[in-house]
Amino acid sequence: MQNKLTEKIFEAISSATEPLETKEIEERLKGFSRATILYRLHNLRGDGLIKGKRVGPGKGAWIWWKKDVFKV
């Protein structure tokens, strides 16, 4: 299940033209719980496969984007 979720996360982030908020990723990934998606996003960020930044005071208020997308 983690591999399927990982693939779907990469697909969602790669197809986006701008960084996505956690909620936007959740909307694209039907069938997975918010906690599972957030846990996997943080693991992928920790592994250096995607980038993420906390925005705002809310729990889970992060933006996510592809690694190396902003390199010039």
N, C-alpha and C. Protein backbone atom coordinates (compact mmCIF):
# COMPACT_ATOMS: atom_id res chain seq x y z
N MET A 1 0.82 -1.20 0.00
CA MET A 1 0.00 0.00 0.00
C MET A 1 0.87 1.26 0.00
N GLN A 2 2.00 1.21 0.69
CA GLN A 2 2.87 2.39 0.72
C GLN A 2 3.40 2.72 -0.65
N ASN A 3 3.74 1.68 -1.45
CA ASN A 3 4.25 1.94 -2.79
C ASN A 3 3.19 2.58 -3.67
N LYS A 4 1.94 2.13 -3.54
CA LYS A 4 0.85 2.71 -4.32
C LYS A 4 0.64 4.17 -3.91
N LEU A 5 0.65 4.43 -2.61
CA LEU A 5 0.48 5.79 -2.11
C LEU A 5 1.65 6.67 -2.57
N THR A 6 2.85 6.16 -2.48
CA THR A 6 4.03 6.91 -2.91
C THR A 6 3.92 7.28 -4.39
N GLU A 7 3.53 6.34 -5.22
CA GLU A 7 3.37 6.60 -6.65
C GLU A 7 2.33 7.69 -6.89
N LYS A 8 1.22 7.61 -6.19
CA LYS A 8 0.15 8.60 -6.36
C LYS A 8 0.59 9.99 -5.88
N ILE A 9 1.36 10.04 -4.81
CA ILE A 9 1.88 11.32 -4.32
C ILE A 9 2.83 11.93 -5.35
N PHE A 10 3.75 11.12 -5.88
CA PHE A 10 4.68 11.62 -6.90
C PHE A 10 3.92 12.09 -8.14
N GLU A 11 2.90 11.35 -8.53
CA GLU A 11 2.09 11.72 -9.70
C GLU A 11 1.40 13.06 -9.47
N ALA A 12 0.81 13.24 -8.29
CA ALA A 12 0.10 14.49 -7.97
C ALA A 12 1.06 15.67 -7.95
N ILE A 13 2.20 15.50 -7.30
CA ILE A 13 3.16 16.59 -7.18
C ILE A 13 3.81 16.90 -8.52
N SER A 14 4.12 15.87 -9.30
CA SER A 14 4.77 16.07 -10.60
C SER A 14 3.86 16.74 -11.61
N SER A 15 2.58 16.47 -11.53
CA SER A 15 1.65 17.05 -12.50
C SER A 15 1.24 18.48 -12.16
N ALA A 16 1.59 18.93 -10.97
CA ALA A 16 1.22 20.27 -10.53
C ALA A 16 2.16 21.31 -11.12
N THR A 17 1.61 22.48 -11.40
CA THR A 17 2.42 23.57 -11.95
C THR A 17 2.90 24.52 -10.85
N GLU A 18 2.49 24.25 -9.62
CA GLU A 18 2.90 25.04 -8.46
C GLU A 18 2.89 24.15 -7.23
N PRO A 19 3.53 24.56 -6.16
CA PRO A 19 3.49 23.74 -4.94
C PRO A 19 2.05 23.50 -4.49
N LEU A 20 1.80 22.32 -3.95
CA LEU A 20 0.47 21.95 -3.49
C LEU A 20 0.39 21.97 -1.97
N GLU A 21 -0.73 22.42 -1.46
CA GLU A 21 -0.98 22.33 -0.03
C GLU A 21 -1.37 20.89 0.29
N THR A 22 -1.21 20.52 1.55
CA THR A 22 -1.57 19.17 1.98
C THR A 22 -3.01 18.86 1.60
N LYS A 23 -3.90 19.79 1.82
CA LYS A 23 -5.32 19.57 1.52
C LYS A 23 -5.54 19.29 0.03
N GLU A 24 -4.80 19.98 -0.84
CA GLU A 24 -4.92 19.75 -2.28
C GLU A 24 -4.45 18.34 -2.66
N ILE A 25 -3.41 17.88 -2.02
CA ILE A 25 -2.93 16.52 -2.27
C ILE A 25 -3.96 15.51 -1.79
N GLU A 26 -4.54 15.75 -0.62
CA GLU A 26 -5.59 14.87 -0.10
C GLU A 26 -6.75 14.75 -1.08
N GLU A 27 -7.16 15.86 -1.67
CA GLU A 27 -8.27 15.87 -2.61
C GLU A 27 -7.96 15.04 -3.85
N ARG A 28 -6.71 14.99 -4.24
CA ARG A 28 -6.30 14.22 -5.42
C ARG A 28 -6.14 12.74 -5.11
N LEU A 29 -5.97 12.40 -3.84
CA LEU A 29 -5.71 11.02 -3.45
C LEU A 29 -6.88 10.44 -2.66
N LYS A 30 -7.95 10.17 -3.35
CA LYS A 30 -9.13 9.58 -2.70
C LYS A 30 -8.80 8.16 -2.24
N GLY A 31 -9.37 7.76 -1.12
CA GLY A 31 -9.19 6.40 -0.64
C GLY A 31 -8.08 6.24 0.39
N PHE A 32 -7.38 7.31 0.70
CA PHE A 32 -6.33 7.27 1.71
C PHE A 32 -6.69 8.27 2.80
N SER A 33 -6.39 7.94 4.04
CA SER A 33 -6.71 8.85 5.13
C SER A 33 -5.72 10.01 5.17
N ARG A 34 -6.17 11.12 5.76
CA ARG A 34 -5.33 12.32 5.90
C ARG A 34 -4.06 11.99 6.67
N ALA A 35 -4.20 11.23 7.74
CA ALA A 35 -3.04 10.89 8.57
C ALA A 35 -2.01 10.07 7.79
N THR A 36 -2.48 9.13 6.98
CA THR A 36 -1.58 8.29 6.18
C THR A 36 -0.85 9.12 5.14
N ILE A 37 -1.58 10.02 4.48
CA ILE A 37 -0.96 10.87 3.46
C ILE A 37 0.07 11.79 4.09
N LEU A 38 -0.28 12.43 5.18
CA LEU A 38 0.64 13.35 5.85
C LEU A 38 1.88 12.62 6.35
N TYR A 39 1.69 11.44 6.92
CA TYR A 39 2.81 10.63 7.40
C TYR A 39 3.76 10.30 6.24
N ARG A 40 3.19 9.88 5.11
CA ARG A 40 4.02 9.51 3.97
C ARG A 40 4.71 10.72 3.37
N LEU A 41 4.03 11.86 3.30
CA LEU A 41 4.66 13.08 2.79
C LEU A 41 5.88 13.45 3.63
N HIS A 42 5.75 13.36 4.94
CA HIS A 42 6.87 13.70 5.82
C HIS A 42 8.01 12.68 5.67
N ASN A 43 7.68 11.42 5.47
CA ASN A 43 8.73 10.42 5.24
C ASN A 43 9.47 10.68 3.93
N LEU A 44 8.73 11.02 2.89
CA LEU A 44 9.36 11.31 1.59
C LEU A 44 10.24 12.55 1.69
N ARG A 45 9.78 13.54 2.44
CA ARG A 45 10.59 14.75 2.65
C ARG A 45 11.85 14.40 3.43
N GLY A 46 11.71 13.58 4.44
CA GLY A 46 12.86 13.16 5.25
C GLY A 46 13.87 12.36 4.43
N ASP A 47 13.38 11.60 3.45
CA ASP A 47 14.25 10.83 2.57
C ASP A 47 14.87 11.68 1.46
N GLY A 48 14.44 12.96 1.37
CA GLY A 48 14.98 13.86 0.37
C GLY A 48 14.38 13.68 -1.02
N LEU A 49 13.23 13.01 -1.12
CA LEU A 49 12.63 12.75 -2.42
C LEU A 49 11.68 13.86 -2.88
N ILE A 50 11.13 14.61 -1.93
CA ILE A 50 10.31 15.78 -2.23
C ILE A 50 10.70 16.87 -1.25
N LYS A 51 10.21 18.07 -1.51
CA LYS A 51 10.47 19.19 -0.61
C LYS A 51 9.15 19.62 0.02
N GLY A 52 9.22 20.15 1.22
CA GLY A 52 8.03 20.63 1.90
C GLY A 52 8.38 21.75 2.85
N LYS A 53 7.39 22.61 3.09
CA LYS A 53 7.60 23.74 3.99
C LYS A 53 6.31 23.99 4.76
N ARG A 54 6.45 24.20 6.05
CA ARG A 54 5.30 24.50 6.88
C ARG A 54 4.84 25.94 6.61
N VAL A 55 3.56 26.12 6.43
CA VAL A 55 3.00 27.44 6.18
C VAL A 55 1.81 27.64 7.10
N GLY A 56 1.94 28.55 8.00
CA GLY A 56 0.84 28.84 8.91
C GLY A 56 0.87 28.01 10.17
N PRO A 57 0.00 28.36 11.09
CA PRO A 57 0.01 27.74 12.41
C PRO A 57 -0.76 26.42 12.50
N GLY A 58 -1.56 26.09 11.51
CA GLY A 58 -2.41 24.91 11.60
C GLY A 58 -1.67 23.60 11.48
N LYS A 59 -2.23 22.57 12.09
CA LYS A 59 -1.64 21.24 11.99
C LYS A 59 -1.80 20.73 10.56
N GLY A 60 -0.72 20.34 9.96
CA GLY A 60 -0.76 19.83 8.60
C GLY A 60 -0.80 20.91 7.53
N ALA A 61 -0.56 22.16 7.91
CA ALA A 61 -0.55 23.25 6.93
C ALA A 61 0.85 23.34 6.33
N TRP A 62 1.06 22.57 5.29
CA TRP A 62 2.34 22.51 4.60
C TRP A 62 2.10 22.70 3.12
N ILE A 63 3.15 23.08 2.39
CA ILE A 63 3.15 23.04 0.93
C ILE A 63 4.22 22.05 0.52
N TRP A 64 4.00 21.40 -0.63
CA TRP A 64 4.88 20.33 -1.11
C TRP A 64 5.18 20.54 -2.58
N TRP A 65 6.41 20.21 -2.98
CA TRP A 65 6.80 20.34 -4.38
C TRP A 65 7.88 19.32 -4.71
N LYS A 66 8.14 19.17 -6.02
CA LYS A 66 9.16 18.23 -6.48
C LYS A 66 10.55 18.70 -6.07
N LYS A 67 11.39 17.78 -5.76
CA LYS A 67 12.78 18.09 -5.46
C LYS A 67 13.43 18.70 -6.70
N ASP A 68 14.23 19.72 -6.53
CA ASP A 68 15.00 20.38 -7.60
C ASP A 68 14.15 21.16 -8.60
N VAL A 69 12.90 21.42 -8.31
CA VAL A 69 12.05 22.12 -9.26
C VAL A 69 12.42 23.60 -9.39
N PHE A 70 13.03 24.18 -8.38
CA PHE A 70 13.35 25.60 -8.41
C PHE A 70 14.81 25.88 -8.70
N LYS A 71 15.58 24.88 -9.13
CA LYS A 71 16.98 25.12 -9.46
C LYS A 71 17.08 25.91 -10.75
N VAL A 72 18.04 26.81 -10.79
CA VAL A 72 18.24 27.65 -11.97
C VAL A 72 19.46 27.19 -12.71
